[in-house]
Amino acid sequence: MAPSLSDPATAPEPSARERVLSYLAHHNTVSLATVDREGRPWAATVFYVNLGTDLYFLSEPHTRHCQNILATGRVAGTINEDYRDWQQIKGIQLEGTAAIVEGKAELLRALHAYLDKYPFVRSFLSPQSLLQGVRIAGKALDVRLWRLRPERLWYLDNARGFSAREELPL
Protein backbone atom coordinates (compact mmCIF):
# COMPACT_ATOMS: atom_id res chain seq x y z
CA MET A 1 0.00 0.00 0.00
CA ALA A 2 1.43 3.38 -1.01
CA PRO A 3 1.87 5.96 1.76
CA SER A 4 -0.74 8.70 1.89
CA LEU A 5 0.31 12.26 1.07
CA SER A 6 -1.26 13.31 4.35
CA ASP A 7 0.94 10.85 6.24
CA PRO A 8 3.38 12.94 8.34
CA ALA A 9 6.11 10.40 7.66
CA THR A 10 5.94 11.12 3.92
CA ALA A 11 5.02 14.80 4.02
CA PRO A 12 7.74 17.06 2.66
CA GLU A 13 9.84 18.72 5.33
CA PRO A 14 9.06 22.42 5.77
CA SER A 15 11.64 24.80 4.34
CA ALA A 16 13.93 26.79 6.64
CA ARG A 17 11.83 29.90 5.94
CA GLU A 18 8.60 28.06 6.85
CA ARG A 19 10.16 26.78 10.10
CA VAL A 20 11.39 30.27 11.01
CA LEU A 21 8.07 31.98 10.25
CA SER A 22 6.15 29.33 12.20
CA TYR A 23 8.48 29.69 15.18
CA LEU A 24 8.17 33.49 15.11
CA ALA A 25 4.37 33.32 14.90
CA HIS A 26 4.09 30.91 17.85
CA HIS A 27 6.28 32.88 20.26
CA ASN A 28 5.77 36.20 21.98
CA THR A 29 8.98 37.68 23.32
CA VAL A 30 12.35 38.59 21.91
CA SER A 31 15.33 39.35 24.13
CA LEU A 32 17.11 42.31 22.60
CA ALA A 33 20.80 42.97 23.02
CA THR A 34 21.92 46.53 22.37
CA VAL A 35 25.03 48.58 22.98
CA ASP A 36 25.51 52.30 23.55
CA ARG A 37 28.10 54.50 21.83
CA GLU A 38 30.63 53.71 24.59
CA GLY A 39 30.21 49.97 24.04
CA ARG A 40 28.22 49.27 27.22
CA PRO A 41 25.86 46.34 26.53
CA TRP A 42 22.24 46.05 27.62
CA ALA A 43 19.51 43.43 27.26
CA ALA A 44 15.74 43.81 27.43
CA THR A 45 12.85 41.51 26.61
CA VAL A 46 9.82 42.83 24.70
CA PHE A 47 6.62 41.43 23.22
CA TYR A 48 6.74 41.35 19.42
CA VAL A 49 4.66 40.58 16.39
CA ASN A 50 6.25 39.53 13.14
CA LEU A 51 5.35 40.47 9.60
CA GLY A 52 7.58 38.16 7.64
CA THR A 53 10.93 38.24 9.40
CA ASP A 54 10.53 41.86 10.54
CA LEU A 55 9.68 42.11 14.25
CA TYR A 56 7.62 44.98 15.69
CA PHE A 57 7.55 45.95 19.35
CA LEU A 58 6.25 48.78 21.52
CA SER A 59 8.56 50.70 23.80
CA GLU A 60 9.24 54.17 25.11
CA PRO A 61 12.17 56.01 23.52
CA HIS A 62 13.66 56.95 26.92
CA THR A 63 14.28 53.29 27.90
CA ARG A 64 17.90 52.17 27.88
CA HIS A 65 17.46 49.68 25.04
CA CYS A 66 15.71 52.28 22.87
CA GLN A 67 18.30 54.93 23.68
CA ASN A 68 20.94 52.45 22.51
CA ILE A 69 18.97 51.77 19.33
CA LEU A 70 18.62 55.50 18.69
CA ALA A 71 22.38 55.89 19.20
CA THR A 72 23.62 52.99 17.08
CA GLY A 73 20.66 51.43 15.24
CA ARG A 74 22.15 47.98 15.88
CA VAL A 75 20.49 45.13 17.73
CA ALA A 76 20.83 41.39 18.24
CA GLY A 77 18.14 39.14 19.62
CA THR A 78 17.07 35.68 20.66
CA ILE A 79 13.68 34.04 20.75
CA ASN A 80 13.52 30.80 22.70
CA GLU A 81 12.00 29.09 25.67
CA ASP A 82 13.52 27.47 28.73
CA TYR A 83 14.46 23.81 28.27
CA ARG A 84 15.73 21.11 30.63
CA ASP A 85 17.11 18.87 27.86
CA TRP A 86 19.65 20.28 25.39
CA GLN A 87 18.21 18.07 22.64
CA GLN A 88 14.93 19.99 22.82
CA ILE A 89 16.46 23.45 22.36
CA LYS A 90 15.00 25.41 19.46
CA GLY A 91 15.17 29.09 18.83
CA ILE A 92 16.00 32.08 16.72
CA GLN A 93 19.21 34.10 16.84
CA LEU A 94 19.39 37.30 14.84
CA GLU A 95 21.26 40.51 14.23
CA GLY A 96 20.10 43.59 12.42
CA THR A 97 18.86 47.12 12.72
CA ALA A 98 15.99 48.71 14.62
CA ALA A 99 14.24 52.06 14.35
CA ILE A 100 10.99 53.82 15.17
CA VAL A 101 8.33 53.12 12.55
CA GLU A 102 7.66 56.44 10.82
CA GLY A 103 5.43 55.62 7.84
CA LYS A 104 1.72 55.75 8.65
CA ALA A 105 0.79 52.78 6.42
CA GLU A 106 3.46 50.54 7.96
CA LEU A 107 2.58 51.79 11.44
CA LEU A 108 -1.11 50.97 11.04
CA ARG A 109 -0.47 47.58 9.42
CA ALA A 110 2.02 46.50 12.10
CA LEU A 111 0.00 47.91 14.99
CA HIS A 112 -3.15 46.11 13.84
CA ALA A 113 -1.16 42.85 13.71
CA TYR A 114 0.23 43.62 17.19
CA LEU A 115 -3.25 44.27 18.60
CA ASP A 116 -4.57 41.07 17.00
CA LYS A 117 -1.80 39.09 18.69
CA TYR A 118 -2.13 40.90 22.06
CA PRO A 119 -5.79 41.93 22.45
CA PHE A 120 -5.22 43.10 26.05
CA VAL A 121 -3.22 46.04 24.67
CA ARG A 122 -6.45 47.42 23.14
CA SER A 123 -7.55 48.45 26.64
CA PHE A 124 -4.97 51.25 26.62
CA LEU A 125 -3.76 51.58 23.05
CA SER A 126 -5.34 52.07 19.67
CA PRO A 127 -3.77 52.95 16.34
CA GLN A 128 -5.03 56.51 16.74
CA SER A 129 -3.75 56.86 20.31
CA LEU A 130 -0.29 55.82 19.19
CA LEU A 131 -0.35 58.71 16.76
CA GLN A 132 -1.71 61.16 19.38
CA GLY A 133 -0.17 59.97 22.65
CA VAL A 134 -0.99 57.22 25.15
CA ARG A 135 -2.23 57.57 28.72
CA ILE A 136 -2.37 54.70 31.21
CA ALA A 137 -3.94 55.36 34.62
CA GLY A 138 -3.64 59.08 33.92
CA LYS A 139 0.09 58.85 33.14
CA ALA A 140 1.22 60.03 29.72
CA LEU A 141 3.44 57.51 27.96
CA ASP A 142 5.63 58.18 24.97
CA VAL A 143 5.12 54.73 23.44
CA ARG A 144 6.39 54.14 19.93
CA LEU A 145 6.26 51.23 17.56
CA TRP A 146 9.70 49.96 16.58
CA ARG A 147 10.76 47.72 13.70
CA LEU A 148 13.61 45.24 14.07
CA ARG A 149 14.79 44.20 10.62
CA PRO A 150 17.12 41.21 10.72
CA GLU A 151 20.14 41.28 8.44
CA ARG A 152 21.15 37.77 9.50
CA LEU A 153 18.91 35.17 11.13
CA TRP A 154 19.63 31.63 12.30
CA TYR A 155 17.21 28.87 13.32
CA LEU A 156 18.58 26.55 16.00
CA ASP A 157 17.09 23.07 16.42
CA ASN A 158 19.09 20.66 18.58
CA ALA A 159 16.64 17.86 17.73
CA ARG A 160 18.58 17.76 14.44
CA GLY A 161 21.89 17.42 16.29
CA PHE A 162 24.01 19.28 18.80
CA SER A 163 24.22 22.97 17.92
CA ALA A 164 22.37 22.38 14.63
CA ARG A 165 21.60 25.79 13.28
CA GLU A 166 20.98 27.05 9.81
CA GLU A 167 21.08 30.58 8.50
CA LEU A 168 18.01 31.80 6.68
CA PRO A 169 18.99 33.80 3.62
CA LEU A 170 17.42 37.26 3.90
C-alpha atoms as a PDB file:
ATOM      1  CA  MET A   1       0.000   0.000   0.000  1.00  0.00           C
ATOM      2  CA  ALA A   2       1.434   3.378  -1.007  1.00  0.00           C
ATOM      3  CA  PRO A   3       1.873   5.959   1.755  1.00  0.00           C
ATOM      4  CA  SER A   4      -0.735   8.703   1.894  1.00  0.00           C
ATOM      5  CA  LEU A   5       0.307  12.256   1.068  1.00  0.00           C
ATOM      6  CA  SER A   6      -1.258  13.311   4.351  1.00  0.00           C
ATOM      7  CA  ASP A   7       0.940  10.850   6.239  1.00  0.00           C
ATOM      8  CA  PRO A   8       3.383  12.945   8.336  1.00  0.00           C
ATOM      9  CA  ALA A   9       6.115  10.395   7.663  1.00  0.00           C
ATOM     10  CA  THR A  10       5.943  11.119   3.919  1.00  0.00           C
ATOM     11  CA  ALA A  11       5.020  14.803   4.016  1.00  0.00           C
ATOM     12  CA  PRO A  12       7.739  17.058   2.658  1.00  0.00           C
ATOM     13  CA  GLU A  13       9.840  18.720   5.331  1.00  0.00           C
ATOM     14  CA  PRO A  14       9.056  22.417   5.769  1.00  0.00           C
ATOM     15  CA  SER A  15      11.636  24.797   4.337  1.00  0.00           C
ATOM     16  CA  ALA A  16      13.929  26.789   6.642  1.00  0.00           C
ATOM     17  CA  ARG A  17      11.826  29.899   5.938  1.00  0.00           C
ATOM     18  CA  GLU A  18       8.602  28.056   6.849  1.00  0.00           C
ATOM     19  CA  ARG A  19      10.159  26.777  10.095  1.00  0.00           C
ATOM     20  CA  VAL A  20      11.391  30.271  11.014  1.00  0.00           C
ATOM     21  CA  LEU A  21       8.067  31.978  10.247  1.00  0.00           C
ATOM     22  CA  SER A  22       6.148  29.334  12.200  1.00  0.00           C
ATOM     23  CA  TYR A  23       8.480  29.688  15.179  1.00  0.00           C
ATOM     24  CA  LEU A  24       8.169  33.486  15.108  1.00  0.00           C
ATOM     25  CA  ALA A  25       4.366  33.319  14.896  1.00  0.00           C
ATOM     26  CA  HIS A  26       4.092  30.914  17.846  1.00  0.00           C
ATOM     27  CA  HIS A  27       6.275  32.877  20.259  1.00  0.00           C
ATOM     28  CA  ASN A  28       5.770  36.203  21.984  1.00  0.00           C
ATOM     29  CA  THR A  29       8.978  37.681  23.322  1.00  0.00           C
ATOM     30  CA  VAL A  30      12.347  38.594  21.911  1.00  0.00           C
ATOM     31  CA  SER A  31      15.328  39.346  24.133  1.00  0.00           C
ATOM     32  CA  LEU A  32      17.107  42.305  22.601  1.00  0.00           C
ATOM     33  CA  ALA A  33      20.803  42.971  23.018  1.00  0.00           C
ATOM     34  CA  THR A  34      21.918  46.533  22.373  1.00  0.00           C
ATOM     35  CA  VAL A  35      25.031  48.578  22.980  1.00  0.00           C
ATOM     36  CA  ASP A  36      25.508  52.296  23.550  1.00  0.00           C
ATOM     37  CA  ARG A  37      28.102  54.501  21.834  1.00  0.00           C
ATOM     38  CA  GLU A  38      30.630  53.708  24.588  1.00  0.00           C
ATOM     39  CA  GLY A  39      30.214  49.973  24.044  1.00  0.00           C
ATOM     40  CA  ARG A  40      28.219  49.266  27.216  1.00  0.00           C
ATOM     41  CA  PRO A  41      25.862  46.337  26.526  1.00  0.00           C
ATOM     42  CA  TRP A  42      22.239  46.052  27.624  1.00  0.00           C
ATOM     43  CA  ALA A  43      19.514  43.434  27.260  1.00  0.00           C
ATOM     44  CA  ALA A  44      15.738  43.806  27.426  1.00  0.00           C
ATOM     45  CA  THR A  45      12.848  41.507  26.612  1.00  0.00           C
ATOM     46  CA  VAL A  46       9.822  42.829  24.701  1.00  0.00           C
ATOM     47  CA  PHE A  47       6.621  41.429  23.222  1.00  0.00           C
ATOM     48  CA  TYR A  48       6.742  41.350  19.424  1.00  0.00           C
ATOM     49  CA  VAL A  49       4.659  40.581  16.387  1.00  0.00           C
ATOM     50  CA  ASN A  50       6.249  39.532  13.143  1.00  0.00           C
ATOM     51  CA  LEU A  51       5.353  40.466   9.597  1.00  0.00           C
ATOM     52  CA  GLY A  52       7.584  38.158   7.638  1.00  0.00           C
ATOM     53  CA  THR A  53      10.931  38.238   9.399  1.00  0.00           C
ATOM     54  CA  ASP A  54      10.529  41.863  10.539  1.00  0.00           C
ATOM     55  CA  LEU A  55       9.682  42.108  14.255  1.00  0.00           C
ATOM     56  CA  TYR A  56       7.624  44.984  15.689  1.00  0.00           C
ATOM     57  CA  PHE A  57       7.550  45.946  19.347  1.00  0.00           C
ATOM     58  CA  LEU A  58       6.252  48.780  21.515  1.00  0.00           C
ATOM     59  CA  SER A  59       8.558  50.703  23.802  1.00  0.00           C
ATOM     60  CA  GLU A  60       9.237  54.166  25.113  1.00  0.00           C
ATOM     61  CA  PRO A  61      12.170  56.015  23.519  1.00  0.00           C
ATOM     62  CA  HIS A  62      13.659  56.952  26.924  1.00  0.00           C
ATOM     63  CA  THR A  63      14.280  53.294  27.903  1.00  0.00           C
ATOM     64  CA  ARG A  64      17.899  52.167  27.879  1.00  0.00           C
ATOM     65  CA  HIS A  65      17.465  49.680  25.037  1.00  0.00           C
ATOM     66  CA  CYS A  66      15.708  52.278  22.872  1.00  0.00           C
ATOM     67  CA  GLN A  67      18.305  54.930  23.680  1.00  0.00           C
ATOM     68  CA  ASN A  68      20.942  52.449  22.511  1.00  0.00           C
ATOM     69  CA  ILE A  69      18.967  51.769  19.331  1.00  0.00           C
ATOM     70  CA  LEU A  70      18.617  55.500  18.686  1.00  0.00           C
ATOM     71  CA  ALA A  71      22.382  55.891  19.204  1.00  0.00           C
ATOM     72  CA  THR A  72      23.617  52.991  17.079  1.00  0.00           C
ATOM     73  CA  GLY A  73      20.661  51.433  15.236  1.00  0.00           C
ATOM     74  CA  ARG A  74      22.154  47.984  15.879  1.00  0.00           C
ATOM     75  CA  VAL A  75      20.492  45.125  17.733  1.00  0.00           C
ATOM     76  CA  ALA A  76      20.832  41.394  18.243  1.00  0.00           C
ATOM     77  CA  GLY A  77      18.140  39.139  19.622  1.00  0.00           C
ATOM     78  CA  THR A  78      17.068  35.684  20.656  1.00  0.00           C
ATOM     79  CA  ILE A  79      13.675  34.037  20.755  1.00  0.00           C
ATOM     80  CA  ASN A  80      13.518  30.801  22.699  1.00  0.00           C
ATOM     81  CA  GLU A  81      12.003  29.086  25.667  1.00  0.00           C
ATOM     82  CA  ASP A  82      13.515  27.469  28.731  1.00  0.00           C
ATOM     83  CA  TYR A  83      14.464  23.807  28.273  1.00  0.00           C
ATOM     84  CA  ARG A  84      15.730  21.112  30.627  1.00  0.00           C
ATOM     85  CA  ASP A  85      17.107  18.866  27.859  1.00  0.00           C
ATOM     86  CA  TRP A  86      19.646  20.283  25.392  1.00  0.00           C
ATOM     87  CA  GLN A  87      18.210  18.073  22.635  1.00  0.00           C
ATOM     88  CA  GLN A  88      14.927  19.994  22.816  1.00  0.00           C
ATOM     89  CA  ILE A  89      16.464  23.451  22.362  1.00  0.00           C
ATOM     90  CA  LYS A  90      14.999  25.411  19.463  1.00  0.00           C
ATOM     91  CA  GLY A  91      15.165  29.091  18.828  1.00  0.00           C
ATOM     92  CA  ILE A  92      15.997  32.079  16.719  1.00  0.00           C
ATOM     93  CA  GLN A  93      19.209  34.101  16.839  1.00  0.00           C
ATOM     94  CA  LEU A  94      19.391  37.305  14.838  1.00  0.00           C
ATOM     95  CA  GLU A  95      21.265  40.514  14.234  1.00  0.00           C
ATOM     96  CA  GLY A  96      20.096  43.592  12.421  1.00  0.00           C
ATOM     97  CA  THR A  97      18.855  47.122  12.723  1.00  0.00           C
ATOM     98  CA  ALA A  98      15.995  48.706  14.619  1.00  0.00           C
ATOM     99  CA  ALA A  99      14.244  52.058  14.350  1.00  0.00           C
ATOM    100  CA  ILE A 100      10.990  53.815  15.169  1.00  0.00           C
ATOM    101  CA  VAL A 101       8.327  53.122  12.545  1.00  0.00           C
ATOM    102  CA  GLU A 102       7.663  56.438  10.820  1.00  0.00           C
ATOM    103  CA  GLY A 103       5.434  55.622   7.837  1.00  0.00           C
ATOM    104  CA  LYS A 104       1.723  55.751   8.653  1.00  0.00           C
ATOM    105  CA  ALA A 105       0.794  52.784   6.419  1.00  0.00           C
ATOM    106  CA  GLU A 106       3.463  50.541   7.964  1.00  0.00           C
ATOM    107  CA  LEU A 107       2.585  51.793  11.445  1.00  0.00           C
ATOM    108  CA  LEU A 108      -1.107  50.969  11.039  1.00  0.00           C
ATOM    109  CA  ARG A 109      -0.468  47.578   9.423  1.00  0.00           C
ATOM    110  CA  ALA A 110       2.020  46.502  12.104  1.00  0.00           C
ATOM    111  CA  LEU A 111       0.001  47.914  14.987  1.00  0.00           C
ATOM    112  CA  HIS A 112      -3.149  46.107  13.836  1.00  0.00           C
ATOM    113  CA  ALA A 113      -1.160  42.855  13.714  1.00  0.00           C
ATOM    114  CA  TYR A 114       0.230  43.616  17.195  1.00  0.00           C
ATOM    115  CA  LEU A 115      -3.252  44.266  18.602  1.00  0.00           C
ATOM    116  CA  ASP A 116      -4.569  41.073  16.999  1.00  0.00           C
ATOM    117  CA  LYS A 117      -1.796  39.086  18.690  1.00  0.00           C
ATOM    118  CA  TYR A 118      -2.130  40.901  22.058  1.00  0.00           C
ATOM    119  CA  PRO A 119      -5.792  41.930  22.445  1.00  0.00           C
ATOM    120  CA  PHE A 120      -5.221  43.101  26.052  1.00  0.00           C
ATOM    121  CA  VAL A 121      -3.216  46.042  24.670  1.00  0.00           C
ATOM    122  CA  ARG A 122      -6.446  47.417  23.139  1.00  0.00           C
ATOM    123  CA  SER A 123      -7.553  48.449  26.636  1.00  0.00           C
ATOM    124  CA  PHE A 124      -4.968  51.249  26.622  1.00  0.00           C
ATOM    125  CA  LEU A 125      -3.756  51.583  23.052  1.00  0.00           C
ATOM    126  CA  SER A 126      -5.337  52.071  19.667  1.00  0.00           C
ATOM    127  CA  PRO A 127      -3.768  52.948  16.342  1.00  0.00           C
ATOM    128  CA  GLN A 128      -5.027  56.510  16.735  1.00  0.00           C
ATOM    129  CA  SER A 129      -3.753  56.865  20.312  1.00  0.00           C
ATOM    130  CA  LEU A 130      -0.285  55.816  19.188  1.00  0.00           C
ATOM    131  CA  LEU A 131      -0.346  58.712  16.756  1.00  0.00           C
ATOM    132  CA  GLN A 132      -1.708  61.157  19.379  1.00  0.00           C
ATOM    133  CA  GLY A 133      -0.171  59.966  22.646  1.00  0.00           C
ATOM    134  CA  VAL A 134      -0.988  57.224  25.150  1.00  0.00           C
ATOM    135  CA  ARG A 135      -2.227  57.568  28.721  1.00  0.00           C
ATOM    136  CA  ILE A 136      -2.367  54.703  31.214  1.00  0.00           C
ATOM    137  CA  ALA A 137      -3.937  55.359  34.623  1.00  0.00           C
ATOM    138  CA  GLY A 138      -3.643  59.075  33.919  1.00  0.00           C
ATOM    139  CA  LYS A 139       0.087  58.852  33.141  1.00  0.00           C
ATOM    140  CA  ALA A 140       1.222  60.026  29.723  1.00  0.00           C
ATOM    141  CA  LEU A 141       3.436  57.509  27.964  1.00  0.00           C
ATOM    142  CA  ASP A 142       5.632  58.184  24.972  1.00  0.00           C
ATOM    143  CA  VAL A 143       5.121  54.734  23.441  1.00  0.00           C
ATOM    144  CA  ARG A 144       6.392  54.144  19.928  1.00  0.00           C
ATOM    145  CA  LEU A 145       6.256  51.228  17.556  1.00  0.00           C
ATOM    146  CA  TRP A 146       9.700  49.964  16.576  1.00  0.00           C
ATOM    147  CA  ARG A 147      10.757  47.715  13.705  1.00  0.00           C
ATOM    148  CA  LEU A 148      13.611  45.240  14.067  1.00  0.00           C
ATOM    149  CA  ARG A 149      14.788  44.199  10.621  1.00  0.00           C
ATOM    150  CA  PRO A 150      17.125  41.211  10.723  1.00  0.00           C
ATOM    151  CA  GLU A 151      20.142  41.276   8.437  1.00  0.00           C
ATOM    152  CA  ARG A 152      21.149  37.769   9.500  1.00  0.00           C
ATOM    153  CA  LEU A 153      18.912  35.173  11.131  1.00  0.00           C
ATOM    154  CA  TRP A 154      19.626  31.629  12.299  1.00  0.00           C
ATOM    155  CA  TYR A 155      17.212  28.874  13.320  1.00  0.00           C
ATOM    156  CA  LEU A 156      18.580  26.552  15.997  1.00  0.00           C
ATOM    157  CA  ASP A 157      17.093  23.074  16.420  1.00  0.00           C
ATOM    158  CA  ASN A 158      19.086  20.664  18.581  1.00  0.00           C
ATOM    159  CA  ALA A 159      16.640  17.862  17.732  1.00  0.00           C
ATOM    160  CA  ARG A 160      18.582  17.762  14.436  1.00  0.00           C
ATOM    161  CA  GLY A 161      21.893  17.415  16.293  1.00  0.00           C
ATOM    162  CA  PHE A 162      24.010  19.277  18.805  1.00  0.00           C
ATOM    163  CA  SER A 163      24.220  22.969  17.916  1.00  0.00           C
ATOM    164  CA  ALA A 164      22.371  22.383  14.635  1.00  0.00           C
ATOM    165  CA  ARG A 165      21.602  25.794  13.276  1.00  0.00           C
ATOM    166  CA  GLU A 166      20.984  27.051   9.808  1.00  0.00           C
ATOM    167  CA  GLU A 167      21.079  30.579   8.502  1.00  0.00           C
ATOM    168  CA  LEU A 168      18.010  31.801   6.684  1.00  0.00           C
ATOM    169  CA  PRO A 169      18.986  33.804   3.619  1.00  0.00           C
ATOM    170  CA  LEU A 170      17.422  37.256   3.898  1.00  0.00           C
END
